[in-house]
Protein backbone atom coordinates (compact mmCIF):
# COMPACT_ATOMS: atom_id res chain seq x y z
CA MET A 1 -12.58 -53.39 37.74
CA ARG A 2 -13.95 -52.62 34.28
CA ARG A 3 -15.23 -49.16 33.49
CA LEU A 4 -17.88 -48.49 30.87
CA LEU A 5 -16.91 -45.37 28.96
CA TRP A 6 -19.74 -43.97 26.88
CA GLY A 7 -18.83 -42.93 23.35
CA PRO A 8 -20.70 -40.82 20.75
CA VAL A 9 -24.41 -41.26 20.34
CA GLY A 10 -25.20 -44.22 18.11
CA VAL A 11 -28.85 -44.05 17.13
CA ALA A 12 -28.78 -47.16 14.98
CA ALA A 13 -26.94 -49.18 17.63
CA ALA A 14 -29.32 -48.00 20.33
CA ALA A 15 -32.33 -48.97 18.26
CA LEU A 16 -30.95 -52.46 17.78
CA ALA A 17 -30.14 -52.71 21.48
CA LEU A 18 -33.58 -51.79 22.80
CA LEU A 19 -35.95 -52.78 19.98
CA ALA A 20 -36.68 -56.22 21.38
CA ALA A 21 -37.06 -54.96 24.92
CA LEU A 22 -39.07 -51.80 24.42
CA GLY A 23 -40.77 -51.93 21.06
CA ALA A 24 -41.30 -55.48 19.93
CA VAL A 25 -44.70 -57.09 19.45
CA ALA A 26 -44.92 -60.87 19.11
CA THR A 27 -47.76 -63.17 18.08
CA VAL A 28 -48.25 -66.77 19.16
CA VAL A 29 -50.85 -69.12 17.65
CA ALA A 30 -52.29 -71.74 19.96
CA PRO A 31 -53.28 -75.17 18.63
CA ALA A 32 -56.80 -75.48 17.23
CA SER A 33 -59.31 -77.38 19.37
CA ARG A 34 -62.40 -79.37 18.35
CA GLY A 35 -62.32 -78.00 14.82
CA VAL A 36 -62.65 -74.39 15.95
CA ALA A 37 -60.29 -71.83 14.41
CA ALA A 38 -56.97 -71.53 16.24
CA ALA A 39 -56.92 -69.01 19.05
CA VAL A 40 -54.49 -66.16 18.48
CA VAL A 41 -52.62 -64.65 21.39
CA VAL A 42 -50.90 -61.32 20.89
CA GLU A 43 -48.13 -59.77 22.98
CA VAL A 44 -48.57 -56.01 23.01
CA PRO A 45 -47.00 -53.10 24.90
CA VAL A 46 -48.62 -52.52 28.28
CA VAL A 47 -51.02 -49.58 28.43
CA GLU A 48 -50.94 -48.94 32.19
CA THR A 49 -48.35 -49.46 34.94
CA VAL A 50 -49.02 -48.64 38.61
CA VAL A 51 -46.43 -48.88 41.42
CA ALA A 52 -46.29 -47.83 45.08
CA CYS A 53 -43.36 -46.46 47.11
CA PRO A 54 -43.14 -46.97 50.87
CA GLY A 55 -42.76 -43.23 51.50
CA LEU A 56 -40.52 -40.22 51.86
CA ARG A 57 -38.54 -39.79 55.08
CA SER A 58 -36.87 -36.39 54.79
CA ARG A 59 -35.21 -34.62 57.72
CA LYS A 60 -33.64 -31.21 57.15
CA GLY A 61 -29.89 -31.36 57.64
CA PHE A 62 -29.92 -35.15 57.98
CA THR A 63 -31.86 -37.06 55.29
CA GLU A 64 -32.43 -36.22 51.64
CA SER A 65 -35.23 -38.47 50.38
CA THR A 66 -35.61 -38.61 46.60
CA VAL A 67 -38.22 -40.28 44.39
CA SER A 68 -37.21 -40.73 40.74
CA ALA A 69 -39.23 -41.93 37.76
CA ALA A 70 -38.46 -42.64 34.12
CA THR A 71 -39.79 -44.29 31.00
CA PRO A 72 -36.99 -45.30 28.62
CA PRO A 73 -36.98 -44.07 25.02
CA ARG A 74 -38.82 -46.18 22.47
CA SER A 75 -36.10 -47.22 20.08
CA ASP A 76 -38.60 -48.08 17.32
CA ALA A 77 -40.32 -44.69 17.41
CA ASP A 78 -40.40 -42.55 14.25
CA PRO A 79 -39.02 -39.09 15.12
CA ALA A 80 -41.26 -37.54 12.44
CA ALA A 81 -44.43 -39.16 13.77
CA PRO A 82 -46.93 -37.20 15.88
CA ALA A 83 -46.47 -37.45 19.63
CA GLU A 84 -48.12 -40.54 21.12
CA GLU A 85 -50.77 -40.31 23.79
CA GLY A 86 -49.85 -41.10 27.36
CA ALA A 87 -48.81 -39.69 30.70
CA GLY A 88 -46.58 -40.59 33.62
CA LEU A 89 -47.33 -39.17 37.07
CA VAL A 90 -45.86 -39.67 40.52
CA THR A 91 -48.23 -38.36 43.20
CA THR A 92 -48.67 -38.43 46.94
CA LEU A 93 -50.95 -41.12 48.34
CA THR A 94 -54.04 -39.48 49.84
CA ARG A 95 -57.45 -40.69 50.95
CA ASP A 96 -59.01 -38.33 48.40
CA PRO A 97 -57.36 -38.94 44.98
CA GLY A 98 -58.49 -35.48 43.90
CA LYS A 99 -56.22 -33.92 46.52
CA ALA A 100 -53.08 -35.84 45.58
CA GLU A 101 -50.03 -33.65 44.95
CA VAL A 102 -48.17 -34.23 41.67
CA LEU A 103 -44.47 -34.70 42.42
CA ILE A 104 -43.18 -35.79 39.00
CA GLN A 105 -44.74 -35.55 35.54
CA LEU A 106 -43.37 -37.39 32.50
CA ASP A 107 -44.67 -36.34 29.10
CA ALA A 108 -42.84 -38.54 26.59
CA PRO A 109 -40.78 -41.76 26.48
CA GLY A 110 -37.25 -40.94 27.57
CA ASP A 111 -38.36 -38.46 30.21
CA ARG A 112 -37.00 -38.89 33.73
CA GLY A 113 -37.59 -36.75 36.78
CA SER A 114 -36.87 -36.56 40.49
CA TYR A 115 -38.55 -35.06 43.55
CA VAL A 116 -36.65 -34.29 46.74
CA GLY A 117 -38.80 -34.43 49.87
CA ARG A 118 -39.18 -31.46 52.15
CA SER A 119 -38.16 -31.47 55.80
CA GLY A 120 -40.40 -33.72 57.86
CA GLU A 121 -42.28 -35.08 54.85
CA ARG A 122 -43.48 -38.68 55.26
CA ASP A 123 -45.88 -39.17 52.36
CA SER A 124 -46.29 -42.48 50.60
CA VAL A 125 -46.04 -42.17 46.84
CA VAL A 126 -47.82 -43.75 43.86
CA GLY A 127 -46.57 -43.86 40.28
CA ARG A 128 -48.95 -44.36 37.36
CA ALA A 129 -48.12 -44.36 33.64
CA THR A 130 -50.47 -44.88 30.70
CA GLU A 131 -50.28 -45.56 26.95
CA SER A 132 -46.87 -44.75 25.44
CA LEU A 133 -45.27 -44.06 28.82
CA ALA A 134 -46.36 -47.34 30.44
CA PRO A 135 -43.82 -49.79 28.90
CA GLY A 136 -40.75 -49.79 31.11
CA PHE A 137 -42.10 -47.13 33.50
CA SER A 138 -40.03 -47.44 36.68
CA VAL A 139 -39.90 -45.57 39.98
CA THR A 140 -37.31 -45.77 42.77
CA GLN A 141 -36.82 -44.15 46.16
CA THR A 142 -33.38 -43.20 47.52
CA GLU A 143 -32.50 -41.76 50.94
CA ARG A 144 -29.13 -40.30 51.87
CA THR A 145 -28.56 -39.62 55.56
CA VAL A 146 -25.21 -38.01 56.29
CA ASP A 147 -25.22 -37.93 60.07
CA GLY A 148 -26.98 -39.21 63.16
CA GLY A 149 -28.14 -42.67 64.14
CA GLY A 150 -29.82 -43.24 60.78
CA ARG A 151 -26.68 -42.53 58.75
CA GLY A 152 -26.64 -44.50 55.50
CA LEU A 153 -27.59 -44.67 51.85
CA ALA A 154 -30.91 -46.48 51.38
CA GLY A 155 -32.72 -47.39 48.16
CA THR A 156 -35.72 -49.40 47.06
CA ALA A 157 -37.74 -50.00 43.93
CA CYS A 158 -41.40 -49.00 43.93
CA LEU A 159 -43.33 -52.11 42.94
CA PRO A 160 -46.86 -53.14 41.89
CA THR A 161 -49.24 -54.34 44.56
CA GLY A 162 -49.33 -58.03 45.40
CA ALA A 163 -50.53 -60.59 47.92
CA ASP A 164 -47.41 -62.43 49.10
CA PHE A 165 -44.01 -61.03 50.15
CA TRP A 166 -40.85 -62.45 51.75
CA PHE A 167 -38.01 -60.49 53.39
CA VAL A 168 -34.87 -62.04 54.91
CA GLY A 169 -32.26 -60.32 57.09
CA ALA A 170 -34.20 -57.94 59.33
CA ALA A 171 -33.53 -57.81 63.06
CA SER A 172 -34.96 -56.48 66.33
CA GLY A 173 -32.05 -56.88 68.73
CA ILE A 174 -30.28 -54.11 70.65
CA GLY A 175 -29.62 -51.23 68.27
CA GLN A 176 -31.47 -52.93 65.38
CA GLN A 177 -34.60 -51.13 64.25
CA ALA A 178 -36.58 -52.82 61.47
CA VAL A 179 -39.93 -51.44 60.32
CA ILE A 180 -42.47 -53.08 57.99
CA VAL A 181 -44.21 -50.53 55.76
CA LEU A 182 -47.55 -51.58 54.23
CA THR A 183 -48.80 -49.24 51.48
CA ASN A 184 -52.31 -49.66 50.08
CA PRO A 185 -52.94 -47.61 46.91
CA GLU A 186 -56.13 -49.55 46.12
CA ASP A 187 -59.74 -48.53 46.71
CA ALA A 188 -60.48 -51.28 49.29
CA THR A 189 -59.11 -52.02 52.75
CA ALA A 190 -56.48 -54.77 52.87
CA ALA A 191 -56.08 -57.35 55.65
CA VAL A 192 -52.61 -58.76 56.34
CA ASP A 193 -51.02 -61.55 58.35
CA VAL A 194 -47.29 -61.24 59.12
CA THR A 195 -45.32 -64.35 60.12
CA PHE A 196 -41.81 -64.20 61.65
CA TYR A 197 -39.10 -66.87 61.67
CA GLY A 198 -36.00 -66.60 63.87
CA ARG A 199 -33.02 -68.71 64.81
CA ARG A 200 -35.11 -70.80 67.21
CA GLY A 201 -38.17 -71.24 65.05
CA GLU A 202 -41.42 -69.51 64.19
CA ILE A 203 -42.17 -66.67 66.57
CA ASN A 204 -45.48 -66.28 68.34
CA ALA A 205 -46.50 -62.77 67.24
CA PRO A 206 -50.26 -62.17 67.62
CA ALA A 207 -49.84 -58.46 66.83
CA GLY A 208 -48.84 -59.43 63.30
CA ARG A 209 -52.20 -61.10 62.58
CA GLY A 210 -55.20 -59.39 61.03
CA VAL A 211 -53.46 -56.06 60.41
CA GLN A 212 -55.87 -53.68 58.65
CA VAL A 213 -54.49 -51.26 56.04
CA PRO A 214 -57.20 -48.79 55.00
CA SER A 215 -57.71 -47.79 51.39
CA ARG A 216 -55.15 -45.29 50.05
CA GLN A 217 -53.17 -45.25 53.30
CA ARG A 218 -50.10 -46.89 54.78
CA VAL A 219 -49.36 -48.62 58.07
CA GLU A 220 -45.95 -48.91 59.75
CA LEU A 221 -45.19 -51.91 61.98
CA PRO A 222 -42.06 -51.58 64.16
CA VAL A 223 -40.70 -55.13 64.34
CA VAL A 224 -39.32 -54.63 67.86
CA LYS A 225 -42.90 -54.29 69.15
CA ILE A 226 -44.11 -57.48 67.44
CA ALA A 227 -41.12 -59.85 67.47
CA PRO A 228 -38.53 -58.32 69.86
CA ALA A 229 -34.96 -59.38 70.70
CA GLN A 230 -34.27 -61.25 67.45
CA GLN A 231 -30.78 -61.07 65.91
CA VAL A 232 -32.04 -62.11 62.48
CA LEU A 233 -35.51 -62.65 61.03
CA ALA A 234 -37.34 -63.86 57.97
CA ILE A 235 -40.64 -62.04 57.45
CA HIS A 236 -43.59 -63.41 55.46
CA VAL A 237 -46.33 -60.92 54.60
CA GLN A 238 -49.55 -62.58 53.40
CA VAL A 239 -52.45 -60.44 52.22
CA GLN A 240 -55.71 -62.14 53.19
CA ALA A 241 -58.00 -59.55 51.58
CA GLY A 242 -57.27 -56.90 48.98
CA ARG A 243 -53.82 -56.06 47.60
CA LEU A 244 -50.98 -53.82 48.74
CA SER A 245 -47.25 -53.15 48.51
CA ALA A 246 -44.94 -54.26 51.34
CA ALA A 247 -41.44 -53.02 52.21
CA VAL A 248 -39.02 -53.39 55.12
CA THR A 249 -36.41 -50.87 56.26
CA GLU A 250 -33.71 -51.32 58.88
CA THR A 251 -31.40 -48.94 60.75
CA ASP A 252 -28.57 -50.29 62.92
CA VAL A 253 -26.49 -48.61 65.62
CA GLU A 254 -23.84 -49.91 67.99
CA GLY A 255 -23.93 -47.79 71.10
CA PHE A 256 -23.77 -44.27 69.69
CA LEU A 257 -22.11 -45.35 66.42
CA PRO A 258 -24.29 -45.62 63.30
CA ARG A 259 -23.85 -48.93 61.47
CA GLY A 260 -26.01 -48.31 58.43
CA SER A 261 -29.53 -47.99 57.12
CA ASP A 262 -31.21 -49.54 54.08
CA TRP A 263 -34.36 -51.00 52.61
CA ILE A 264 -34.43 -54.82 52.51
CA PRO A 265 -35.45 -56.01 49.03
CA GLY A 266 -38.18 -58.60 48.73
CA THR A 267 -36.83 -62.09 48.09
CA GLU A 268 -38.16 -64.99 46.05
CA ALA A 269 -40.79 -67.27 47.55
CA PRO A 270 -39.32 -70.50 48.98
CA ALA A 271 -37.94 -72.82 46.29
CA THR A 272 -35.31 -75.53 45.92
CA ASP A 273 -32.99 -73.50 43.67
CA LEU A 274 -32.14 -69.84 44.31
CA VAL A 275 -29.63 -67.21 43.23
CA VAL A 276 -28.67 -64.24 45.42
CA PRO A 277 -26.68 -61.86 43.18
CA GLY A 278 -24.89 -58.61 43.82
CA VAL A 279 -22.31 -59.16 46.56
CA PRO A 280 -20.05 -56.14 45.95
CA LYS A 281 -16.29 -55.97 45.71
CA VAL A 282 -14.75 -54.80 48.97
CA GLY A 283 -11.91 -52.34 48.42
CA LYS A 284 -10.54 -48.91 49.28
CA GLY A 285 -9.30 -50.09 52.66
CA ARG A 286 -12.78 -51.21 53.71
CA ALA A 287 -13.37 -54.10 56.04
CA GLY A 288 -16.37 -56.13 54.94
CA LYS A 289 -18.54 -58.87 56.36
CA VAL A 290 -20.89 -60.98 54.23
CA LEU A 291 -23.60 -63.00 56.00
CA LEU A 292 -25.98 -65.36 54.19
CA ASP A 293 -29.33 -65.92 55.94
CA ILE A 294 -31.39 -68.97 54.92
CA VAL A 295 -34.92 -69.75 56.11
CA ALA A 296 -36.69 -73.10 55.80
CA PRO A 297 -40.32 -72.21 56.55
CA GLY A 298 -41.55 -75.80 56.34
CA GLU A 299 -39.52 -78.98 56.72
CA GLY A 300 -35.86 -78.90 57.67
CA ALA A 301 -33.62 -78.51 54.64
CA VAL A 302 -30.17 -79.55 53.51
CA VAL A 303 -28.80 -76.71 51.38
CA SER A 304 -25.77 -76.88 49.06
CA LEU A 305 -23.94 -73.60 48.44
CA LYS A 306 -21.79 -72.38 45.58
CA ILE A 307 -20.10 -69.04 45.03
CA VAL A 308 -19.96 -67.49 41.54
CA ALA A 309 -16.91 -65.19 41.53
CA PRO A 310 -14.95 -63.42 38.75
CA ASP A 311 -12.64 -66.42 38.29
CA GLY A 312 -15.34 -69.09 38.30
CA THR A 313 -17.68 -71.08 40.51
CA PHE A 314 -16.62 -72.91 43.66
CA ALA A 315 -18.03 -74.41 46.85
CA PRO A 316 -17.09 -72.46 50.02
CA LEU A 317 -14.74 -74.40 52.29
CA ASP A 318 -16.52 -75.80 55.37
CA ALA A 319 -19.80 -74.18 54.28
CA ASP A 320 -20.67 -76.07 51.11
CA VAL A 321 -23.55 -77.91 52.83
CA VAL A 322 -25.78 -76.24 55.43
CA ASP A 323 -28.45 -77.89 57.57
CA VAL A 324 -31.40 -75.56 58.24
CA PRO A 325 -33.92 -76.85 60.82
CA GLY A 326 -37.59 -76.43 59.94
CA ALA A 327 -39.17 -73.01 60.59
CA THR A 328 -35.80 -71.44 61.45
CA VAL A 329 -33.23 -69.02 60.03
CA ARG A 330 -29.62 -70.18 59.70
CA THR A 331 -26.78 -67.68 59.16
CA VAL A 332 -23.57 -68.55 57.28
CA ASP A 333 -20.52 -66.25 57.33
CA LEU A 334 -19.10 -66.14 53.77
CA THR A 335 -16.61 -63.33 54.35
CA GLU A 336 -13.44 -65.41 54.13
CA ALA A 337 -14.72 -67.53 51.25
CA LEU A 338 -15.40 -64.44 49.13
CA ASP A 339 -12.06 -62.78 49.96
CA GLY A 340 -13.35 -59.36 48.88
CA ASP A 341 -14.47 -60.44 45.39
CA PRO A 342 -17.84 -59.53 43.85
CA ALA A 343 -20.03 -62.61 43.69
CA ALA A 344 -23.40 -64.31 43.60
CA VAL A 345 -24.51 -67.12 45.91
CA LEU A 346 -26.21 -70.23 44.50
CA LEU A 347 -28.42 -72.36 46.74
CA SER A 348 -29.71 -75.84 45.95
CA SER A 349 -31.93 -77.49 48.57
CA ASP A 350 -33.88 -80.68 49.13
CA GLN A 351 -36.75 -78.61 50.64
CA PRO A 352 -38.09 -75.14 49.74
CA VAL A 353 -36.04 -72.32 51.27
CA THR A 354 -35.49 -68.65 50.64
CA ALA A 355 -32.54 -66.43 51.46
CA GLY A 356 -30.91 -63.02 51.67
CA VAL A 357 -27.44 -61.59 52.19
CA ARG A 358 -26.28 -58.81 54.53
CA VAL A 359 -23.14 -56.93 53.51
CA MET A 360 -21.56 -54.70 56.16
CA LEU A 361 -18.85 -52.31 55.00
CA ARG A 362 -16.58 -50.52 57.44
CA ARG A 363 -13.44 -48.39 57.39
CA PRO A 364 -11.26 -48.50 60.49
CA SER A 365 -11.87 -45.43 62.68
CA TYR A 366 -14.80 -44.37 60.45
CA PHE A 367 -18.50 -45.07 60.21
CA GLY A 368 -19.88 -47.79 57.94
CA ASP A 369 -23.00 -48.82 56.10
CA THR A 370 -25.00 -51.98 55.44
CA LEU A 371 -26.73 -53.21 52.30
CA PHE A 372 -29.15 -56.10 51.86
CA LEU A 373 -29.43 -58.52 48.94
CA ALA A 374 -32.18 -60.96 48.00
CA ALA A 375 -32.80 -64.06 45.92
CA VAL A 376 -34.28 -62.88 42.61
CA PRO A 377 -35.26 -64.39 39.24
CA PRO A 378 -33.07 -63.98 36.14
CA LEU A 379 -33.63 -61.09 33.77
CA GLY A 380 -36.20 -62.03 31.14
CA ALA A 381 -35.86 -58.75 29.23
CA ALA A 382 -34.68 -55.20 29.90
CA ALA A 383 -34.32 -53.83 33.43
CA VAL A 384 -34.84 -50.06 33.85
CA VAL A 385 -33.37 -48.01 36.72
CA PRO A 386 -34.35 -44.31 36.71
CA ASP A 387 -32.01 -42.90 39.40
CA ASN A 388 -28.30 -43.41 38.78
CA ARG A 389 -25.56 -41.01 39.81
CA ASP A 390 -21.98 -40.18 38.90
CA THR A 391 -20.25 -37.54 41.04
CA ALA A 392 -16.81 -37.04 42.55
CA ASP A 393 -17.72 -39.26 45.52
CA LEU A 394 -20.63 -41.40 44.31
CA SER A 395 -20.47 -44.11 41.63
CA THR A 396 -23.02 -46.32 39.89
CA ARG A 397 -21.91 -49.94 39.64
CA LEU A 398 -23.32 -53.17 38.22
CA VAL A 399 -22.69 -56.66 39.59
CA LEU A 400 -23.70 -59.14 36.85
CA THR A 401 -23.64 -62.95 37.07
CA ALA A 402 -24.07 -65.70 34.46
CA PRO A 403 -24.23 -68.85 36.63
CA GLU A 404 -24.98 -71.39 33.90
CA GLY A 405 -24.11 -70.40 30.33
CA ALA A 406 -22.18 -67.60 28.67
CA ALA A 407 -24.17 -64.41 28.21
CA THR A 408 -23.98 -60.97 26.67
CA VAL A 409 -25.59 -57.94 28.31
CA GLU A 410 -26.05 -54.53 26.72
CA VAL A 411 -25.92 -51.53 29.02
CA SER A 412 -27.33 -48.17 27.91
CA THR A 413 -27.81 -44.82 29.58
CA PHE A 414 -30.39 -42.24 28.58
CA VAL A 415 -31.23 -38.62 29.25
CA GLY A 416 -34.37 -37.44 27.54
CA ALA A 417 -35.16 -39.13 24.23
CA ARG A 418 -31.48 -39.67 23.51
CA ILE A 419 -30.07 -43.15 24.08
CA GLU A 420 -26.32 -43.34 24.50
CA ALA A 421 -24.63 -45.99 22.38
CA PRO A 422 -25.06 -49.31 24.24
CA VAL A 423 -21.99 -51.08 25.55
CA SER A 424 -21.85 -54.83 25.09
CA VAL A 425 -20.66 -56.71 28.20
CA PRO A 426 -19.67 -60.38 27.72
CA LEU A 427 -20.11 -62.71 30.70
CA ALA A 428 -18.28 -66.03 30.76
CA ALA A 429 -20.28 -69.00 31.98
CA GLY A 430 -20.10 -69.42 35.75
CA THR A 431 -18.62 -65.99 36.50
CA THR A 432 -19.50 -62.62 38.05
CA THR A 433 -18.48 -59.26 36.54
CA TRP A 434 -18.14 -55.91 38.37
CA LEU A 435 -18.61 -52.71 36.32
CA THR A 436 -18.62 -48.98 36.92
CA VAL A 437 -21.09 -47.05 34.75
CA GLU A 438 -20.21 -43.48 33.83
CA ALA A 439 -22.88 -40.87 33.18
CA PRO A 440 -23.40 -39.34 29.75
CA LYS A 441 -21.17 -36.35 29.22
CA GLY A 442 -22.21 -33.32 31.23
CA ARG A 443 -24.68 -35.26 33.40
CA GLN A 444 -24.60 -36.42 36.99
CA ARG A 445 -27.97 -38.24 37.03
CA PHE A 446 -29.23 -40.53 34.31
CA GLY A 447 -31.47 -43.44 33.42
CA LEU A 448 -30.07 -46.94 32.93
CA VAL A 449 -31.24 -49.91 30.84
CA VAL A 450 -29.68 -53.37 31.19
CA THR A 451 -30.73 -55.91 28.55
CA PRO A 452 -29.63 -59.58 28.21
CA GLN A 453 -29.16 -60.48 24.55
CA ALA A 454 -30.77 -63.31 22.60
CA GLY A 455 -29.04 -66.66 23.06
CA SER A 456 -27.61 -65.75 26.45
CA GLY A 457 -27.74 -67.99 29.46
CA PRO A 458 -29.59 -66.75 32.58
CA VAL A 459 -28.33 -63.39 33.84
CA TYR A 460 -28.75 -62.03 37.37
CA GLY A 461 -27.74 -58.57 38.49
CA VAL A 462 -27.74 -55.72 40.96
CA ARG A 463 -27.30 -51.96 40.51
CA MET A 464 -25.26 -50.50 43.36
CA LEU A 465 -24.76 -46.89 44.47
CA ASP A 466 -21.39 -46.58 46.19
CA GLU A 467 -20.21 -43.39 47.91
CA GLU A 468 -16.82 -43.01 49.54
CA GLY A 469 -17.25 -40.02 51.83
CA PRO A 470 -14.82 -38.51 54.34
CA ARG A 471 -16.57 -40.28 57.25
CA GLY A 472 -16.79 -43.72 55.68
CA PRO A 473 -18.71 -45.59 52.95
CA LEU A 474 -22.38 -45.15 52.03
CA VAL A 475 -23.87 -47.95 49.92
CA THR A 476 -27.19 -49.29 48.67
CA SER A 477 -28.32 -51.61 45.90
CA LEU A 478 -31.32 -52.54 43.77
CA PRO A 479 -31.90 -56.01 42.30
CA LEU A 480 -32.27 -55.81 38.52
CA ARG A 481 -35.78 -56.99 37.68
CA THR A 482 -37.44 -57.33 34.29
CA ALA A 483 -39.37 -54.15 33.53
CA ARG A 484 -43.07 -54.43 32.73
CA LEU A 485 -42.95 -53.96 28.97
CA THR A 486 -45.63 -56.14 27.36
CA ALA A 487 -48.88 -57.91 28.17
CA VAL A 488 -50.33 -61.03 26.57
CA VAL A 489 -53.92 -60.67 25.37
CA PRO A 490 -56.18 -62.83 23.19
CA GLU A 491 -56.93 -61.40 19.78
CA ALA A 492 -60.64 -61.21 18.96
CA VAL A 493 -61.42 -63.19 15.80
CA PRO A 494 -64.75 -64.12 14.19
CA ASP A 495 -65.93 -67.59 15.27
CA ILE A 496 -68.98 -68.94 13.51
CA ALA A 497 -69.10 -71.75 16.07
CA ALA A 498 -69.78 -69.33 18.91
CA GLY A 499 -73.15 -69.98 20.49
CA THR A 500 -73.61 -73.39 18.86
CA VAL A 501 -74.04 -76.69 20.67
CA ASP A 502 -72.30 -79.92 19.70
């Protein structure tokens, strides 16, 4: 395993590392049409970013629920220049916006902050950043439960509202408790249809149709009450009116033994080519199981599988081709094929499918934990993760994959306006790399920026929190997604032809 050891601060290196991701402005000129002057399109930093979290779930003595937010430093900023306008706030979601409680306030790029929920708190949370704090503004939610049936480390990114969401890997069998959380930070009521697919086909679930989510509120849907007795599910959330944010959490027990708790990341919409990155390395005496779940929501599909491991890409023996009947979920055990190595799973199908991976870590005679992985797009620019930790028991790790061409990724940490010197990580074509990220000196929590470099092939990645406690492992992961940094807008130019008729 490689370890990234952070050296002295390198301001010039950091500026070069993050300039393209966090400070660049590009201009594209579209072809002229009908003799009119060419339209000019300008890419500019975003001026507002809004995200929603599914909600705090703190229980005194059991669960510490933390929301963290950060905007990375602007590497192109002039230290002598006056402070830029902007604000970054994380607040509770309330029916009356004027009564929202401010949990985190960011005042300048490079700021990061955390809020730990009080006992019994179950508020949904909204993050909003404007002007200079909007580019790269990111919010995450992390829950650490040390005992009881919900024992586990659970994390999720807080995402913008949308209209279509897929989740793969939930369950509603004995001891499996999945909950869909619908959070509506908008000013209008949202209407939602939820469709479930299981091993035997689409499930008749009338209670999932026409779900109303009032403005500035959230609704929780226990899956066991809508689609009970299912060992594995794919969930499709379709917003018929309005917009909202959807999330799914699952807690598993076996008798009285906790088997893990985590948030299930949203997966890509069905497609014929997918990448599920982030399968972690299994070590420290742990016993691991890796299950790939594939759903074909339409026609039956023939899916070819490949594994991208540290030593190269290969087809898993006896599982290289998988038949998935239409409207069903098919599960493939990849544990032996992976042999404990970190990896990504490549899927190529003749019909649209989507997929997720369940990773169950155990230590003999101890408790375990479960993490969920999803098919995600490659990184198009920098990914920003605000809540990363480095303690005696808990490590921050990256699982990075370059499935097609060689790539180079730069990894930087930040605390305040200071960017630690970025570390360049080469990725050979068709391989997966496993890294441990160490915090800046004297820090236990820090912000993280992961940036693919120009000329690199596609890069996929996951940030993992990995704790080895005295009672067994606690793990969770976040897919690395391109931060919202820029927006494309047309530039207003004089046009003497405006208002004329041919």
